[in-house]
Amino acid sequence: MSQSQPEVQRDLDRLRGLAWRMDTAFKIPLIGVRVGWDSILGLIPGVGDVLALAPAGYILKEAHRLGVPGSVLARMGTNVGIDLAIGAIPLVGDLFDIGWKANTRNVELLHRHFQQTTPPGRDHNGEGELSSHHPTLRG
């Protein structure tokens, strides 16, 4: 079954909303900088950065489901890895999180990919091209 262009757009809009909540949902008074739940969770030592991985992982999972090629998934994973590695450094990481906005970067990568290609196809199981259930990866 293949996903129609309106369904792809609906998925991308949903992911953009999640990225907005994670990266830019709140405006800091007086200085006007926008932060999201990723930055707020990052203030919790140790646990915060790990909690912020869940939405980032979900965006990656959805990109895979939509059939995004491995090169785009790799760039998305790199963005999340950078966010996690530098974000884990006390104080410096918190400041870095405000500017890096990995979720927004990743959703923009998805939008660019789908603007440059035809609507993504999915096999009969609805699995992405890297799935072990994908016909070309079956043994």
N, C-alpha and C. Protein backbone atom coordinates (compact mmCIF):
# COMPACT_ATOMS: atom_id res chain seq x y z
N MET A 1 0.85 -1.16 0.00
CA MET A 1 0.00 0.00 0.00
C MET A 1 0.90 1.23 0.00
N SER A 2 0.58 2.17 -0.81
CA SER A 2 1.39 3.38 -0.90
C SER A 2 0.66 4.53 -0.23
N GLN A 3 1.41 5.42 0.34
CA GLN A 3 0.83 6.54 1.07
C GLN A 3 0.63 7.70 0.11
N SER A 4 -0.54 8.34 0.18
CA SER A 4 -0.83 9.45 -0.72
C SER A 4 -0.13 10.72 -0.26
N GLN A 5 -0.01 11.67 -1.18
CA GLN A 5 0.65 12.94 -0.86
C GLN A 5 -0.01 13.65 0.32
N PRO A 6 -1.37 13.71 0.40
CA PRO A 6 -1.97 14.36 1.58
C PRO A 6 -1.62 13.65 2.88
N GLU A 7 -1.51 12.31 2.85
CA GLU A 7 -1.13 11.59 4.07
C GLU A 7 0.31 11.91 4.47
N VAL A 8 1.21 11.99 3.49
CA VAL A 8 2.60 12.34 3.76
C VAL A 8 2.64 13.75 4.36
N GLN A 9 1.91 14.67 3.77
CA GLN A 9 1.90 16.05 4.27
C GLN A 9 1.35 16.10 5.69
N ARG A 10 0.33 15.31 5.97
CA ARG A 10 -0.24 15.27 7.32
C ARG A 10 0.81 14.73 8.31
N ASP A 11 1.54 13.69 7.92
CA ASP A 11 2.60 13.16 8.79
C ASP A 11 3.69 14.20 9.01
N LEU A 12 4.11 14.87 7.95
CA LEU A 12 5.15 15.89 8.08
C LEU A 12 4.69 17.05 8.97
N ASP A 13 3.45 17.46 8.82
CA ASP A 13 2.91 18.54 9.66
C ASP A 13 2.88 18.12 11.13
N ARG A 14 2.52 16.86 11.39
CA ARG A 14 2.48 16.34 12.76
C ARG A 14 3.89 16.33 13.35
N LEU A 15 4.86 15.90 12.57
CA LEU A 15 6.25 15.88 13.04
C LEU A 15 6.79 17.29 13.24
N ARG A 16 6.38 18.21 12.37
CA ARG A 16 6.80 19.61 12.55
C ARG A 16 6.25 20.17 13.86
N GLY A 17 5.01 19.82 14.20
CA GLY A 17 4.42 20.27 15.46
C GLY A 17 5.19 19.72 16.66
N LEU A 18 5.58 18.45 16.58
CA LEU A 18 6.37 17.85 17.66
C LEU A 18 7.72 18.56 17.79
N ALA A 19 8.36 18.81 16.66
CA ALA A 19 9.66 19.51 16.68
C ALA A 19 9.51 20.91 17.27
N TRP A 20 8.43 21.59 16.92
CA TRP A 20 8.17 22.94 17.46
C TRP A 20 8.04 22.88 18.98
N ARG A 21 7.27 21.90 19.49
CA ARG A 21 7.11 21.78 20.95
C ARG A 21 8.44 21.47 21.63
N MET A 22 9.25 20.64 21.00
CA MET A 22 10.52 20.25 21.61
C MET A 22 11.58 21.34 21.52
N ASP A 23 11.52 22.18 20.48
CA ASP A 23 12.63 23.12 20.23
C ASP A 23 12.29 24.60 20.40
N THR A 24 11.07 25.02 20.18
CA THR A 24 10.79 26.47 20.14
C THR A 24 9.44 26.89 20.73
N ALA A 25 8.82 26.09 21.54
CA ALA A 25 7.46 26.36 22.01
C ALA A 25 7.35 27.58 22.93
N PHE A 26 8.42 27.93 23.63
CA PHE A 26 8.35 29.00 24.63
C PHE A 26 9.34 30.11 24.30
N LYS A 27 8.92 31.33 24.56
CA LYS A 27 9.81 32.48 24.35
C LYS A 27 10.26 32.98 25.72
N ILE A 28 11.57 33.09 25.91
CA ILE A 28 12.12 33.59 27.17
C ILE A 28 11.92 35.10 27.21
N PRO A 29 11.20 35.59 28.24
CA PRO A 29 10.95 37.03 28.34
C PRO A 29 12.25 37.83 28.42
N LEU A 30 12.20 39.02 27.95
CA LEU A 30 13.29 40.00 27.96
C LEU A 30 14.35 39.74 26.89
N ILE A 31 14.78 38.49 26.71
CA ILE A 31 15.81 38.24 25.71
C ILE A 31 15.24 37.72 24.38
N GLY A 32 13.99 37.24 24.40
CA GLY A 32 13.31 36.84 23.18
C GLY A 32 13.77 35.55 22.54
N VAL A 33 14.60 34.77 23.20
CA VAL A 33 15.07 33.50 22.65
C VAL A 33 13.98 32.46 22.84
N ARG A 34 13.81 31.62 21.82
CA ARG A 34 12.80 30.57 21.89
C ARG A 34 13.45 29.26 22.31
N VAL A 35 12.81 28.56 23.24
CA VAL A 35 13.25 27.25 23.71
C VAL A 35 12.05 26.32 23.72
N GLY A 36 12.32 25.05 23.80
CA GLY A 36 11.24 24.06 23.88
C GLY A 36 11.50 23.10 25.01
N TRP A 37 10.72 22.02 25.00
CA TRP A 37 10.85 21.03 26.07
C TRP A 37 12.21 20.38 26.09
N ASP A 38 12.88 20.28 24.95
CA ASP A 38 14.23 19.71 24.91
C ASP A 38 15.16 20.51 25.81
N SER A 39 15.13 21.82 25.69
CA SER A 39 15.99 22.69 26.51
C SER A 39 15.59 22.64 27.98
N ILE A 40 14.30 22.58 28.24
CA ILE A 40 13.83 22.55 29.62
C ILE A 40 14.20 21.22 30.28
N LEU A 41 13.96 20.11 29.56
CA LEU A 41 14.33 18.80 30.11
C LEU A 41 15.84 18.69 30.30
N GLY A 42 16.60 19.34 29.44
CA GLY A 42 18.06 19.30 29.53
C GLY A 42 18.59 19.91 30.82
N LEU A 43 17.78 20.70 31.50
CA LEU A 43 18.20 21.29 32.78
C LEU A 43 18.22 20.27 33.91
N ILE A 44 17.54 19.13 33.71
CA ILE A 44 17.52 18.08 34.73
C ILE A 44 18.79 17.23 34.53
N PRO A 45 19.71 17.29 35.47
CA PRO A 45 20.99 16.58 35.29
C PRO A 45 20.79 15.09 35.02
N GLY A 46 21.52 14.60 34.02
CA GLY A 46 21.51 13.18 33.69
C GLY A 46 20.28 12.69 32.98
N VAL A 47 19.14 12.82 33.60
CA VAL A 47 17.89 12.25 33.09
C VAL A 47 17.28 13.09 31.97
N GLY A 48 17.43 14.39 32.02
CA GLY A 48 16.75 15.28 31.08
C GLY A 48 17.11 15.02 29.62
N ASP A 49 18.40 14.88 29.35
CA ASP A 49 18.82 14.64 27.97
C ASP A 49 18.34 13.30 27.45
N VAL A 50 18.28 12.31 28.33
CA VAL A 50 17.79 10.99 27.93
C VAL A 50 16.29 11.06 27.62
N LEU A 51 15.53 11.80 28.44
CA LEU A 51 14.09 11.95 28.19
C LEU A 51 13.83 12.66 26.86
N ALA A 52 14.66 13.61 26.53
CA ALA A 52 14.48 14.36 25.28
C ALA A 52 14.80 13.50 24.05
N LEU A 53 15.45 12.35 24.26
CA LEU A 53 15.74 11.45 23.14
C LEU A 53 14.48 10.77 22.60
N ALA A 54 13.47 10.58 23.43
CA ALA A 54 12.27 9.87 22.99
C ALA A 54 11.60 10.55 21.79
N PRO A 55 11.30 11.85 21.85
CA PRO A 55 10.70 12.48 20.67
C PRO A 55 11.64 12.49 19.46
N ALA A 56 12.94 12.67 19.70
CA ALA A 56 13.91 12.65 18.60
C ALA A 56 13.93 11.27 17.94
N GLY A 57 13.88 10.22 18.76
CA GLY A 57 13.82 8.86 18.24
C GLY A 57 12.54 8.60 17.47
N TYR A 58 11.45 9.16 17.96
CA TYR A 58 10.16 9.00 17.27
C TYR A 58 10.21 9.64 15.88
N ILE A 59 10.81 10.81 15.78
CA ILE A 59 10.94 11.48 14.47
C ILE A 59 11.77 10.61 13.53
N LEU A 60 12.85 10.02 14.03
CA LEU A 60 13.66 9.11 13.22
C LEU A 60 12.86 7.88 12.79
N LYS A 61 12.10 7.31 13.71
CA LYS A 61 11.28 6.14 13.40
C LYS A 61 10.26 6.47 12.31
N GLU A 62 9.63 7.62 12.42
CA GLU A 62 8.65 8.02 11.42
C GLU A 62 9.30 8.26 10.06
N ALA A 63 10.51 8.82 10.06
CA ALA A 63 11.23 9.02 8.81
C ALA A 63 11.49 7.67 8.14
N HIS A 64 11.89 6.69 8.93
CA HIS A 64 12.12 5.34 8.42
C HIS A 64 10.82 4.77 7.86
N ARG A 65 9.73 4.92 8.60
CA ARG A 65 8.42 4.41 8.17
C ARG A 65 8.01 5.03 6.84
N LEU A 66 8.33 6.30 6.65
CA LEU A 66 7.98 7.00 5.42
C LEU A 66 8.89 6.61 4.26
N GLY A 67 9.91 5.80 4.52
CA GLY A 67 10.77 5.32 3.46
C GLY A 67 11.91 6.25 3.09
N VAL A 68 12.31 7.10 4.01
CA VAL A 68 13.40 8.03 3.76
C VAL A 68 14.70 7.23 3.58
N PRO A 69 15.53 7.60 2.60
CA PRO A 69 16.77 6.84 2.37
C PRO A 69 17.75 6.92 3.53
N GLY A 70 18.64 5.94 3.57
CA GLY A 70 19.62 5.84 4.64
C GLY A 70 20.49 7.07 4.79
N SER A 71 20.80 7.75 3.70
CA SER A 71 21.65 8.95 3.79
C SER A 71 20.98 10.05 4.60
N VAL A 72 19.68 10.21 4.41
CA VAL A 72 18.93 11.22 5.18
C VAL A 72 18.80 10.77 6.63
N LEU A 73 18.51 9.48 6.84
CA LEU A 73 18.42 8.96 8.21
C LEU A 73 19.75 9.13 8.95
N ALA A 74 20.86 8.93 8.24
CA ALA A 74 22.18 9.10 8.86
C ALA A 74 22.41 10.54 9.29
N ARG A 75 22.03 11.49 8.44
CA ARG A 75 22.17 12.91 8.82
C ARG A 75 21.29 13.24 10.01
N MET A 76 20.08 12.69 10.02
CA MET A 76 19.18 12.91 11.15
C MET A 76 19.77 12.33 12.44
N GLY A 77 20.31 11.12 12.34
CA GLY A 77 20.93 10.48 13.50
C GLY A 77 22.13 11.26 14.00
N THR A 78 22.89 11.84 13.08
CA THR A 78 24.03 12.67 13.46
C THR A 78 23.56 13.90 14.23
N ASN A 79 22.49 14.52 13.78
CA ASN A 79 21.94 15.68 14.50
C ASN A 79 21.55 15.32 15.92
N VAL A 80 20.90 14.17 16.08
CA VAL A 80 20.50 13.73 17.42
C VAL A 80 21.73 13.39 18.26
N GLY A 81 22.71 12.73 17.66
CA GLY A 81 23.94 12.38 18.38
C GLY A 81 24.69 13.60 18.87
N ILE A 82 24.80 14.61 18.02
CA ILE A 82 25.46 15.86 18.42
C ILE A 82 24.70 16.50 19.57
N ASP A 83 23.37 16.53 19.45
CA ASP A 83 22.53 17.12 20.49
C ASP A 83 22.74 16.39 21.82
N LEU A 84 22.79 15.06 21.76
CA LEU A 84 22.97 14.28 22.98
C LEU A 84 24.37 14.45 23.57
N ALA A 85 25.39 14.38 22.72
CA ALA A 85 26.78 14.44 23.21
C ALA A 85 27.10 15.80 23.83
N ILE A 86 26.80 16.86 23.12
CA ILE A 86 27.13 18.19 23.65
C ILE A 86 26.10 18.61 24.70
N GLY A 87 24.84 18.22 24.49
CA GLY A 87 23.79 18.56 25.46
C GLY A 87 24.03 17.97 26.83
N ALA A 88 24.80 16.90 26.92
CA ALA A 88 25.06 16.25 28.20
C ALA A 88 26.09 16.99 29.04
N ILE A 89 26.80 17.94 28.45
CA ILE A 89 27.80 18.72 29.19
C ILE A 89 27.06 19.77 30.03
N PRO A 90 27.23 19.75 31.34
CA PRO A 90 26.51 20.72 32.18
C PRO A 90 26.76 22.17 31.74
N LEU A 91 25.73 22.95 31.76
CA LEU A 91 25.69 24.37 31.41
C LEU A 91 26.00 24.64 29.94
N VAL A 92 27.18 24.22 29.46
CA VAL A 92 27.53 24.42 28.05
C VAL A 92 26.51 23.72 27.16
N GLY A 93 26.14 22.49 27.54
CA GLY A 93 25.16 21.73 26.78
C GLY A 93 23.79 22.37 26.79
N ASP A 94 23.42 22.96 27.91
CA ASP A 94 22.12 23.64 28.00
C ASP A 94 22.08 24.83 27.05
N LEU A 95 23.16 25.58 27.00
CA LEU A 95 23.23 26.72 26.07
C LEU A 95 23.25 26.24 24.62
N PHE A 96 23.97 25.16 24.36
CA PHE A 96 24.05 24.59 23.02
C PHE A 96 22.67 24.15 22.54
N ASP A 97 21.89 23.50 23.42
CA ASP A 97 20.55 23.03 23.08
C ASP A 97 19.65 24.15 22.56
N ILE A 98 19.83 25.33 23.11
CA ILE A 98 19.01 26.47 22.70
C ILE A 98 19.23 26.80 21.23
N GLY A 99 20.46 26.65 20.76
CA GLY A 99 20.75 27.00 19.38
C GLY A 99 20.72 25.85 18.39
N TRP A 100 20.96 24.63 18.83
CA TRP A 100 21.10 23.50 17.90
C TRP A 100 19.77 23.04 17.32
N LYS A 101 18.76 22.81 18.14
CA LYS A 101 17.41 22.44 17.71
C LYS A 101 17.41 21.26 16.73
N ALA A 102 17.89 20.12 17.20
CA ALA A 102 18.03 18.92 16.36
C ALA A 102 16.70 18.45 15.78
N ASN A 103 15.63 18.53 16.54
CA ASN A 103 14.33 18.06 16.04
C ASN A 103 13.87 18.90 14.86
N THR A 104 14.02 20.20 14.97
CA THR A 104 13.64 21.09 13.88
C THR A 104 14.52 20.83 12.66
N ARG A 105 15.81 20.65 12.88
CA ARG A 105 16.72 20.34 11.76
C ARG A 105 16.27 19.05 11.06
N ASN A 106 15.90 18.05 11.84
CA ASN A 106 15.53 16.77 11.26
C ASN A 106 14.23 16.84 10.48
N VAL A 107 13.25 17.56 10.99
CA VAL A 107 12.00 17.69 10.26
C VAL A 107 12.22 18.50 8.98
N GLU A 108 13.11 19.47 9.02
CA GLU A 108 13.44 20.22 7.80
C GLU A 108 14.12 19.31 6.78
N LEU A 109 14.98 18.41 7.24
CA LEU A 109 15.58 17.43 6.33
C LEU A 109 14.50 16.58 5.65
N LEU A 110 13.50 16.17 6.43
CA LEU A 110 12.39 15.40 5.86
C LEU A 110 11.63 16.20 4.81
N HIS A 111 11.29 17.43 5.16
CA HIS A 111 10.55 18.28 4.21
C HIS A 111 11.35 18.46 2.93
N ARG A 112 12.63 18.75 3.06
CA ARG A 112 13.47 18.92 1.85
C ARG A 112 13.51 17.65 1.02
N HIS A 113 13.64 16.52 1.69
CA HIS A 113 13.67 15.25 0.97
C HIS A 113 12.40 15.06 0.14
N PHE A 114 11.25 15.30 0.76
CA PHE A 114 9.99 15.06 0.06
C PHE A 114 9.67 16.14 -0.97
N GLN A 115 10.26 17.30 -0.83
CA GLN A 115 10.11 18.32 -1.88
C GLN A 115 10.91 17.94 -3.11
N GLN A 116 12.01 17.21 -2.92
CA GLN A 116 12.90 16.86 -4.03
C GLN A 116 12.56 15.52 -4.68
N THR A 117 11.67 14.74 -4.06
CA THR A 117 11.35 13.42 -4.58
C THR A 117 9.85 13.27 -4.76
N THR A 118 9.47 12.17 -5.35
CA THR A 118 8.05 11.84 -5.47
C THR A 118 7.56 11.38 -4.11
N PRO A 119 6.25 11.30 -3.91
CA PRO A 119 5.74 10.83 -2.62
C PRO A 119 6.31 9.45 -2.29
N PRO A 120 6.63 9.22 -1.01
CA PRO A 120 7.25 7.96 -0.63
C PRO A 120 6.30 6.79 -0.82
N GLY A 121 6.85 5.66 -1.24
CA GLY A 121 6.06 4.44 -1.34
C GLY A 121 6.38 3.55 -0.16
N ARG A 122 5.42 2.74 0.17
CA ARG A 122 5.66 1.75 1.22
C ARG A 122 5.25 0.40 0.67
N ASP A 123 5.91 -0.64 1.13
CA ASP A 123 5.54 -1.95 0.64
C ASP A 123 4.22 -2.37 1.26
N HIS A 124 3.78 -3.56 0.96
CA HIS A 124 2.48 -4.02 1.41
C HIS A 124 2.34 -4.11 2.92
N ASN A 125 3.45 -4.16 3.65
CA ASN A 125 3.40 -4.18 5.10
C ASN A 125 3.48 -2.79 5.71
N GLY A 126 3.66 -1.75 4.88
CA GLY A 126 3.78 -0.40 5.41
C GLY A 126 5.12 -0.15 6.06
N GLU A 127 6.16 -0.90 5.68
CA GLU A 127 7.46 -0.77 6.29
C GLU A 127 8.36 0.11 5.44
N GLY A 128 9.28 0.81 6.06
CA GLY A 128 10.25 1.64 5.36
C GLY A 128 11.27 0.79 4.63
N GLU A 129 12.07 1.41 3.76
CA GLU A 129 12.98 0.66 2.91
C GLU A 129 14.11 -0.02 3.67
N LEU A 130 14.39 0.41 4.89
CA LEU A 130 15.46 -0.22 5.67
C LEU A 130 14.93 -1.32 6.60
N SER A 131 13.65 -1.55 6.57
CA SER A 131 13.06 -2.54 7.45
C SER A 131 13.46 -3.95 7.06
N SER A 132 13.59 -4.83 8.04
CA SER A 132 13.89 -6.22 7.75
C SER A 132 12.72 -6.89 7.06
N HIS A 133 11.55 -6.26 7.08
CA HIS A 133 10.38 -6.80 6.41
C HIS A 133 10.27 -6.33 4.97
N HIS A 134 11.16 -5.44 4.57
CA HIS A 134 11.13 -4.91 3.22
C HIS A 134 11.52 -6.02 2.24
N PRO A 135 10.81 -6.15 1.09
CA PRO A 135 11.05 -7.26 0.16
C PRO A 135 12.50 -7.39 -0.30
N THR A 136 13.22 -6.30 -0.49
CA THR A 136 14.58 -6.39 -0.99
C THR A 136 15.57 -6.83 0.09
N LEU A 137 15.15 -6.84 1.35
CA LEU A 137 16.05 -7.24 2.44
C LEU A 137 15.73 -8.63 2.96
N ARG A 138 14.72 -9.28 2.41
CA ARG A 138 14.38 -10.62 2.86
C ARG A 138 15.36 -11.62 2.30
N GLY A 139 15.65 -12.64 3.09
CA GLY A 139 16.63 -13.64 2.69
C GLY A 139 16.15 -14.72 1.82
